[in-house]
PDB file of N, CA and C in Angstrom:
ATOM      1  N   MET A   1      11.716  28.149  34.943  1.00  0.00           N
ATOM      2  CA  MET A   1      10.482  28.754  35.366  1.00  0.00           C
ATOM      3  C   MET A   1       9.936  27.978  36.564  1.00  0.00           C
ATOM      4  N   LYS A   2       9.349  28.733  37.513  1.00  0.00           N
ATOM      5  CA  LYS A   2       8.754  28.120  38.703  1.00  0.00           C
ATOM      6  C   LYS A   2       7.303  28.529  38.825  1.00  0.00           C
ATOM      7  N   VAL A   3       6.537  27.660  39.461  1.00  0.00           N
ATOM      8  CA  VAL A   3       5.151  27.972  39.784  1.00  0.00           C
ATOM      9  C   VAL A   3       5.005  27.900  41.298  1.00  0.00           C
ATOM     10  N   GLU A   4       4.275  28.856  41.836  1.00  0.00           N
ATOM     11  CA  GLU A   4       3.967  28.890  43.266  1.00  0.00           C
ATOM     12  C   GLU A   4       2.448  28.824  43.398  1.00  0.00           C
ATOM     13  N   PHE A   5       1.978  27.933  44.250  1.00  0.00           N
ATOM     14  CA  PHE A   5       0.547  27.725  44.437  1.00  0.00           C
ATOM     15  C   PHE A   5       0.196  27.962  45.902  1.00  0.00           C
ATOM     16  N   ASP A   6      -0.725  28.883  46.124  1.00  0.00           N
ATOM     17  CA  ASP A   6      -1.189  29.203  47.475  1.00  0.00           C
ATOM     18  C   ASP A   6      -2.493  28.440  47.723  1.00  0.00           C
ATOM     19  N   GLU A   7      -2.354  27.316  48.398  1.00  0.00           N
ATOM     20  CA  GLU A   7      -3.493  26.433  48.625  1.00  0.00           C
ATOM     21  C   GLU A   7      -4.587  27.103  49.466  1.00  0.00           C
ATOM     22  N   ASP A   8      -4.192  27.962  50.403  1.00  0.00           N
ATOM     23  CA  ASP A   8      -5.182  28.624  51.248  1.00  0.00           C
ATOM     24  C   ASP A   8      -6.047  29.602  50.457  1.00  0.00           C
ATOM     25  N   THR A   9      -5.483  30.202  49.424  1.00  0.00           N
ATOM     26  CA  THR A   9      -6.217  31.154  48.588  1.00  0.00           C
ATOM     27  C   THR A   9      -7.164  30.439  47.620  1.00  0.00           C
ATOM     28  N   CYS A  10      -6.811  29.236  47.228  1.00  0.00           N
ATOM     29  CA  CYS A  10      -7.599  28.456  46.269  1.00  0.00           C
ATOM     30  C   CYS A  10      -9.038  28.284  46.760  1.00  0.00           C
ATOM     31  N   ILE A  11      -9.991  28.498  45.824  1.00  0.00           N
ATOM     32  CA  ILE A  11     -11.411  28.325  46.170  1.00  0.00           C
ATOM     33  C   ILE A  11     -12.032  27.117  45.460  1.00  0.00           C
ATOM     34  N   GLY A  12     -11.213  26.324  44.792  1.00  0.00           N
ATOM     35  CA  GLY A  12     -11.690  25.078  44.210  1.00  0.00           C
ATOM     36  C   GLY A  12     -12.542  25.214  42.964  1.00  0.00           C
ATOM     37  N   MET A  13     -12.256  26.187  42.136  1.00  0.00           N
ATOM     38  CA  MET A  13     -12.965  26.297  40.854  1.00  0.00           C
ATOM     39  C   MET A  13     -12.389  25.308  39.826  1.00  0.00           C
ATOM     40  N   TYR A  14     -11.176  24.833  40.059  1.00  0.00           N
ATOM     41  CA  TYR A  14     -10.498  23.809  39.251  1.00  0.00           C
ATOM     42  C   TYR A  14     -10.242  24.233  37.808  1.00  0.00           C
ATOM     43  N   GLN A  15     -10.222  25.516  37.524  1.00  0.00           N
ATOM     44  CA  GLN A  15      -9.913  25.961  36.164  1.00  0.00           C
ATOM     45  C   GLN A  15      -8.470  25.626  35.803  1.00  0.00           C
ATOM     46  N   CYS A  16      -7.582  25.633  36.800  1.00  0.00           N
ATOM     47  CA  CYS A  16      -6.181  25.281  36.570  1.00  0.00           C
ATOM     48  C   CYS A  16      -6.033  23.823  36.139  1.00  0.00           C
ATOM     49  N   VAL A  17      -6.905  22.965  36.670  1.00  0.00           N
ATOM     50  CA  VAL A  17      -6.862  21.536  36.344  1.00  0.00           C
ATOM     51  C   VAL A  17      -7.118  21.326  34.853  1.00  0.00           C
ATOM     52  N   ALA A  18      -8.005  22.130  34.289  1.00  0.00           N
ATOM     53  CA  ALA A  18      -8.317  22.023  32.865  1.00  0.00           C
ATOM     54  C   ALA A  18      -7.166  22.515  31.988  1.00  0.00           C
ATOM     55  N   GLU A  19      -6.323  23.384  32.539  1.00  0.00           N
ATOM     56  CA  GLU A  19      -5.247  23.990  31.751  1.00  0.00           C
ATOM     57  C   GLU A  19      -3.911  23.256  31.831  1.00  0.00           C
ATOM     58  N   TRP A  20      -3.613  22.662  32.991  1.00  0.00           N
ATOM     59  CA  TRP A  20      -2.297  22.022  33.166  1.00  0.00           C
ATOM     60  C   TRP A  20      -2.467  20.770  34.014  1.00  0.00           C
ATOM     61  N   ASP A  21      -1.956  19.656  33.523  1.00  0.00           N
ATOM     62  CA  ASP A  21      -2.146  18.380  34.221  1.00  0.00           C
ATOM     63  C   ASP A  21      -1.322  18.242  35.497  1.00  0.00           C
ATOM     64  N   ALA A  22      -0.515  19.236  35.845  1.00  0.00           N
ATOM     65  CA  ALA A  22       0.196  19.219  37.128  1.00  0.00           C
ATOM     66  C   ALA A  22      -0.757  19.542  38.283  1.00  0.00           C
ATOM     67  N   PHE A  23      -1.910  20.109  37.950  1.00  0.00           N
ATOM     68  CA  PHE A  23      -2.931  20.375  38.957  1.00  0.00           C
ATOM     69  C   PHE A  23      -3.978  19.281  38.924  1.00  0.00           C
ATOM     70  N   GLU A  24      -4.389  18.841  40.105  1.00  0.00           N
ATOM     71  CA  GLU A  24      -5.422  17.824  40.217  1.00  0.00           C
ATOM     72  C   GLU A  24      -6.469  18.284  41.211  1.00  0.00           C
ATOM     73  N   LYS A  25      -7.651  17.708  41.102  1.00  0.00           N
ATOM     74  CA  LYS A  25      -8.745  18.040  42.014  1.00  0.00           C
ATOM     75  C   LYS A  25      -8.606  17.258  43.309  1.00  0.00           C
ATOM     76  N   ASP A  26      -8.777  17.935  44.425  1.00  0.00           N
ATOM     77  CA  ASP A  26      -8.919  17.286  45.727  1.00  0.00           C
ATOM     78  C   ASP A  26     -10.321  17.645  46.206  1.00  0.00           C
ATOM     79  N   LYS A  27     -11.279  16.833  45.789  1.00  0.00           N
ATOM     80  CA  LYS A  27     -12.674  17.156  46.085  1.00  0.00           C
ATOM     81  C   LYS A  27     -12.974  17.111  47.579  1.00  0.00           C
ATOM     82  N   SER A  28     -12.261  16.286  48.327  1.00  0.00           N
ATOM     83  CA  SER A  28     -12.521  16.212  49.774  1.00  0.00           C
ATOM     84  C   SER A  28     -12.135  17.514  50.470  1.00  0.00           C
ATOM     85  N   ALA A  29     -11.089  18.187  49.951  1.00  0.00           N
ATOM     86  CA  ALA A  29     -10.664  19.466  50.531  1.00  0.00           C
ATOM     87  C   ALA A  29     -11.307  20.648  49.817  1.00  0.00           C
ATOM     88  N   GLY A  30     -11.859  20.393  48.620  1.00  0.00           N
ATOM     89  CA  GLY A  30     -12.445  21.471  47.841  1.00  0.00           C
ATOM     90  C   GLY A  30     -11.402  22.416  47.269  1.00  0.00           C
ATOM     91  N   LYS A  31     -10.238  21.866  46.979  1.00  0.00           N
ATOM     92  CA  LYS A  31      -9.121  22.679  46.480  1.00  0.00           C
ATOM     93  C   LYS A  31      -8.390  21.908  45.388  1.00  0.00           C
ATOM     94  N   ALA A  32      -7.612  22.648  44.601  1.00  0.00           N
ATOM     95  CA  ALA A  32      -6.704  22.007  43.660  1.00  0.00           C
ATOM     96  C   ALA A  32      -5.429  21.613  44.408  1.00  0.00           C
ATOM     97  N   VAL A  33      -4.685  20.694  43.822  1.00  0.00           N
ATOM     98  CA  VAL A  33      -3.416  20.247  44.374  1.00  0.00           C
ATOM     99  C   VAL A  33      -2.371  20.342  43.272  1.00  0.00           C
ATOM    100  N   LEU A  34      -1.214  20.906  43.593  1.00  0.00           N
ATOM    101  CA  LEU A  34      -0.102  20.974  42.645  1.00  0.00           C
ATOM    102  C   LEU A  34       0.786  19.757  42.873  1.00  0.00           C
ATOM    103  N   GLU A  35       0.771  18.844  41.919  1.00  0.00           N
ATOM    104  CA  GLU A  35       1.532  17.605  42.034  1.00  0.00           C
ATOM    105  C   GLU A  35       3.038  17.867  42.023  1.00  0.00           C
ATOM    106  N   ASP A  36       3.778  17.014  42.725  1.00  0.00           N
ATOM    107  CA  ASP A  36       5.249  17.064  42.760  1.00  0.00           C
ATOM    108  C   ASP A  36       5.801  18.397  43.249  1.00  0.00           C
ATOM    109  N   ALA A  37       5.048  19.080  44.099  1.00  0.00           N
ATOM    110  CA  ALA A  37       5.488  20.376  44.619  1.00  0.00           C
ATOM    111  C   ALA A  37       6.000  20.221  46.049  1.00  0.00           C
ATOM    112  N   GLU A  38       6.859  21.141  46.428  1.00  0.00           N
ATOM    113  CA  GLU A  38       7.411  21.177  47.779  1.00  0.00           C
ATOM    114  C   GLU A  38       6.714  22.294  48.554  1.00  0.00           C
ATOM    115  N   GLU A  39       6.279  21.973  49.766  1.00  0.00           N
ATOM    116  CA  GLU A  39       5.655  22.992  50.610  1.00  0.00           C
ATOM    117  C   GLU A  39       6.768  23.823  51.241  1.00  0.00           C
ATOM    118  N   VAL A  40       6.894  25.074  50.796  1.00  0.00           N
ATOM    119  CA  VAL A  40       7.988  25.933  51.250  1.00  0.00           C
ATOM    120  C   VAL A  40       7.615  26.733  52.485  1.00  0.00           C
ATOM    121  N   GLU A  41       6.341  26.963  52.674  1.00  0.00           N
ATOM    122  CA  GLU A  41       5.814  27.506  53.920  1.00  0.00           C
ATOM    123  C   GLU A  41       4.378  27.038  54.017  1.00  0.00           C
ATOM    124  N   ASP A  42       3.730  27.303  55.107  1.00  0.00           N
ATOM    125  CA  ASP A  42       2.401  26.759  55.348  1.00  0.00           C
ATOM    126  C   ASP A  42       1.430  27.112  54.223  1.00  0.00           C
ATOM    127  N   GLY A  43       0.995  26.099  53.467  1.00  0.00           N
ATOM    128  CA  GLY A  43       0.024  26.288  52.405  1.00  0.00           C
ATOM    129  C   GLY A  43       0.572  26.821  51.094  1.00  0.00           C
ATOM    130  N   ILE A  44       1.886  27.029  51.007  1.00  0.00           N
ATOM    131  CA  ILE A  44       2.513  27.538  49.781  1.00  0.00           C
ATOM    132  C   ILE A  44       3.367  26.419  49.172  1.00  0.00           C
ATOM    133  N   PHE A  45       3.042  26.051  47.947  1.00  0.00           N
ATOM    134  CA  PHE A  45       3.716  24.951  47.264  1.00  0.00           C
ATOM    135  C   PHE A  45       4.422  25.465  46.014  1.00  0.00           C
ATOM    136  N   VAL A  46       5.656  24.977  45.794  1.00  0.00           N
ATOM    137  CA  VAL A  46       6.472  25.440  44.678  1.00  0.00           C
ATOM    138  C   VAL A  46       7.038  24.236  43.935  1.00  0.00           C
ATOM    139  N   ARG A  47       7.120  24.375  42.616  1.00  0.00           N
ATOM    140  CA  ARG A  47       7.797  23.361  41.796  1.00  0.00           C
ATOM    141  C   ARG A  47       8.319  24.011  40.535  1.00  0.00           C
ATOM    142  N   GLU A  48       9.288  23.352  39.932  1.00  0.00           N
ATOM    143  CA  GLU A  48       9.810  23.780  38.637  1.00  0.00           C
ATOM    144  C   GLU A  48       8.778  23.429  37.567  1.00  0.00           C
ATOM    145  N   VAL A  49       8.752  24.255  36.536  1.00  0.00           N
ATOM    146  CA  VAL A  49       7.876  24.001  35.397  1.00  0.00           C
ATOM    147  C   VAL A  49       8.737  23.445  34.266  1.00  0.00           C
ATOM    148  N   PRO A  50       8.424  22.231  33.795  1.00  0.00           N
ATOM    149  CA  PRO A  50       9.189  21.700  32.668  1.00  0.00           C
ATOM    150  C   PRO A  50       9.029  22.608  31.446  1.00  0.00           C
ATOM    151  N   GLU A  51      10.064  22.672  30.619  1.00  0.00           N
ATOM    152  CA  GLU A  51      10.038  23.559  29.459  1.00  0.00           C
ATOM    153  C   GLU A  51       8.827  23.316  28.577  1.00  0.00           C
ATOM    154  N   ASP A  52       8.477  22.054  28.389  1.00  0.00           N
ATOM    155  CA  ASP A  52       7.358  21.745  27.499  1.00  0.00           C
ATOM    156  C   ASP A  52       5.992  22.025  28.127  1.00  0.00           C
ATOM    157  N   ALA A  53       5.967  22.469  29.386  1.00  0.00           N
ATOM    158  CA  ALA A  53       4.705  22.764  30.067  1.00  0.00           C
ATOM    159  C   ALA A  53       4.569  24.245  30.413  1.00  0.00           C
ATOM    160  N   GLU A  54       5.501  25.076  29.966  1.00  0.00           N
ATOM    161  CA  GLU A  54       5.478  26.488  30.362  1.00  0.00           C
ATOM    162  C   GLU A  54       4.198  27.195  29.930  1.00  0.00           C
ATOM    163  N   LEU A  55       3.742  26.955  28.725  1.00  0.00           N
ATOM    164  CA  LEU A  55       2.519  27.601  28.244  1.00  0.00           C
ATOM    165  C   LEU A  55       1.309  27.154  29.062  1.00  0.00           C
ATOM    166  N   ASP A  56       1.227  25.856  29.345  1.00  0.00           N
ATOM    167  CA  ASP A  56       0.118  25.329  30.156  1.00  0.00           C
ATOM    168  C   ASP A  56       0.127  25.934  31.557  1.00  0.00           C
ATOM    169  N   ALA A  57       1.317  26.064  32.141  1.00  0.00           N
ATOM    170  CA  ALA A  57       1.426  26.649  33.483  1.00  0.00           C
ATOM    171  C   ALA A  57       0.960  28.098  33.476  1.00  0.00           C
ATOM    172  N   LYS A  58       1.344  28.833  32.438  1.00  0.00           N
ATOM    173  CA  LYS A  58       0.916  30.232  32.329  1.00  0.00           C
ATOM    174  C   LYS A  58      -0.600  30.335  32.187  1.00  0.00           C
ATOM    175  N   PHE A  59      -1.184  29.465  31.379  1.00  0.00           N
ATOM    176  CA  PHE A  59      -2.641  29.467  31.228  1.00  0.00           C
ATOM    177  C   PHE A  59      -3.327  29.133  32.550  1.00  0.00           C
ATOM    178  N   ALA A  60      -2.773  28.172  33.285  1.00  0.00           N
ATOM    179  CA  ALA A  60      -3.353  27.812  34.583  1.00  0.00           C
ATOM    180  C   ALA A  60      -3.352  29.004  35.523  1.00  0.00           C
ATOM    181  N   ALA A  61      -2.258  29.743  35.542  1.00  0.00           N
ATOM    182  CA  ALA A  61      -2.154  30.923  36.414  1.00  0.00           C
ATOM    183  C   ALA A  61      -3.132  32.013  35.973  1.00  0.00           C
ATOM    184  N   ARG A  62      -3.254  32.202  34.680  1.00  0.00           N
ATOM    185  CA  ARG A  62      -4.147  33.255  34.176  1.00  0.00           C
ATOM    186  C   ARG A  62      -5.616  32.942  34.416  1.00  0.00           C
ATOM    187  N   THR A  63      -5.980  31.666  34.434  1.00  0.00           N
ATOM    188  CA  THR A  63      -7.393  31.310  34.597  1.00  0.00           C
ATOM    189  C   THR A  63      -7.830  31.272  36.055  1.00  0.00           C
ATOM    190  N   CYS A  64      -6.887  31.280  36.978  1.00  0.00           N
ATOM    191  CA  CYS A  64      -7.264  31.223  38.400  1.00  0.00           C
ATOM    192  C   CYS A  64      -8.009  32.507  38.783  1.00  0.00           C
ATOM    193  N   PRO A  65      -9.259  32.374  39.246  1.00  0.00           N
ATOM    194  CA  PRO A  65     -10.051  33.570  39.548  1.00  0.00           C
ATOM    195  C   PRO A  65      -9.603  34.325  40.796  1.00  0.00           C
ATOM    196  N   VAL A  66      -8.778  33.688  41.637  1.00  0.00           N
ATOM    197  CA  VAL A  66      -8.345  34.344  42.882  1.00  0.00           C
ATOM    198  C   VAL A  66      -6.825  34.525  42.950  1.00  0.00           C
ATOM    199  N   ASP A  67      -6.146  34.352  41.810  1.00  0.00           N
ATOM    200  CA  ASP A  67      -4.692  34.536  41.734  1.00  0.00           C
ATOM    201  C   ASP A  67      -3.923  33.704  42.764  1.00  0.00           C
ATOM    202  N   ALA A  68      -4.322  32.449  42.900  1.00  0.00           N
ATOM    203  CA  ALA A  68      -3.627  31.547  43.819  1.00  0.00           C
ATOM    204  C   ALA A  68      -2.370  30.947  43.198  1.00  0.00           C
ATOM    205  N   ILE A  69      -2.154  31.194  41.903  1.00  0.00           N
ATOM    206  CA  ILE A  69      -1.026  30.626  41.166  1.00  0.00           C
ATOM    207  C   ILE A  69      -0.152  31.768  40.656  1.00  0.00           C
ATOM    208  N   THR A  70       1.125  31.704  40.981  1.00  0.00           N
ATOM    209  CA  THR A  70       2.075  32.723  40.553  1.00  0.00           C
ATOM    210  C   THR A  70       3.177  32.051  39.750  1.00  0.00           C
ATOM    211  N   ILE A  71       3.536  32.660  38.632  1.00  0.00           N
ATOM    212  CA  ILE A  71       4.607  32.147  37.774  1.00  0.00           C
ATOM    213  C   ILE A  71       5.814  33.080  37.871  1.00  0.00           C
ATOM    214  N   TYR A  72       6.993  32.474  38.048  1.00  0.00           N
ATOM    215  CA  TYR A  72       8.257  33.213  38.108  1.00  0.00           C
ATOM    216  C   TYR A  72       9.184  32.701  37.004  1.00  0.00           C
ATOM    217  N   ASP A  73       9.954  33.621  36.404  1.00  0.00           N
ATOM    218  CA  ASP A  73      10.938  33.181  35.420  1.00  0.00           C
ATOM    219  C   ASP A  73      12.177  32.647  36.140  1.00  0.00           C
ATOM    220  N   ASP A  74      13.155  32.225  35.365  1.00  0.00           N
ATOM    221  CA  ASP A  74      14.360  31.604  35.941  1.00  0.00           C
ATOM    222  C   ASP A  74      15.186  32.569  36.784  1.00  0.00           C
ATOM    223  N   ASP A  75      14.974  33.874  36.606  1.00  0.00           N
ATOM    224  CA  ASP A  75      15.682  34.873  37.399  1.00  0.00           C
ATOM    225  C   ASP A  75      14.906  35.253  38.658  1.00  0.00           C
ATOM    226  N   GLY A  76      13.746  34.636  38.870  1.00  0.00           N
ATOM    227  CA  GLY A  76      12.946  34.942  40.047  1.00  0.00           C
ATOM    228  C   GLY A  76      11.991  36.097  39.873  1.00  0.00           C
ATOM    229  N   GLU A  77      11.903  36.630  38.654  1.00  0.00           N
ATOM    230  CA  GLU A  77      10.998  37.742  38.395  1.00  0.00           C
ATOM    231  C   GLU A  77       9.569  37.222  38.201  1.00  0.00           C
ATOM    232  N   GLN A  78       8.618  37.864  38.873  1.00  0.00           N
ATOM    233  CA  GLN A  78       7.227  37.442  38.773  1.00  0.00           C
ATOM    234  C   GLN A  78       6.671  37.803  37.400  1.00  0.00           C
ATOM    235  N   LEU A  79       6.097  36.813  36.726  1.00  0.00           N
ATOM    236  CA  LEU A  79       5.533  37.012  35.400  1.00  0.00           C
ATOM    237  C   LEU A  79       4.012  37.105  35.440  1.00  0.00           C
ATOM    238  N   ILE A  80       3.377  36.231  36.208  1.00  0.00           N
ATOM    239  CA  ILE A  80       1.913  36.156  36.294  1.00  0.00           C
ATOM    240  C   ILE A  80       1.555  35.883  37.745  1.00  0.00           C
ATOM    241  N   PRO A  81       0.553  36.463  38.349  1.00  0.00           N
ATOM    242  CA  PRO A  81      -0.160  37.647  37.836  1.00  0.00           C
ATOM    243  C   PRO A  81       0.694  38.877  38.006  1.00  0.00           C
TER     244      PRO A  81
END
């Protein structure tokens, strides 16, 4: 499973931070940060989701009010949103 985070879309509500510890607050930028992620294009960050964190990652994506977090399964199919 992979998570994709669109930093430009993020509005800094930090609801994802409460759901999954891979997200952290960057108060100076007013945005969340996806730890250990690779920037695949400008402002888009991707990382693998460990098996034991899949539920937390899904909750983080579901709680984002602006859909800045997208979850993909191992086949690349979009699961959330």
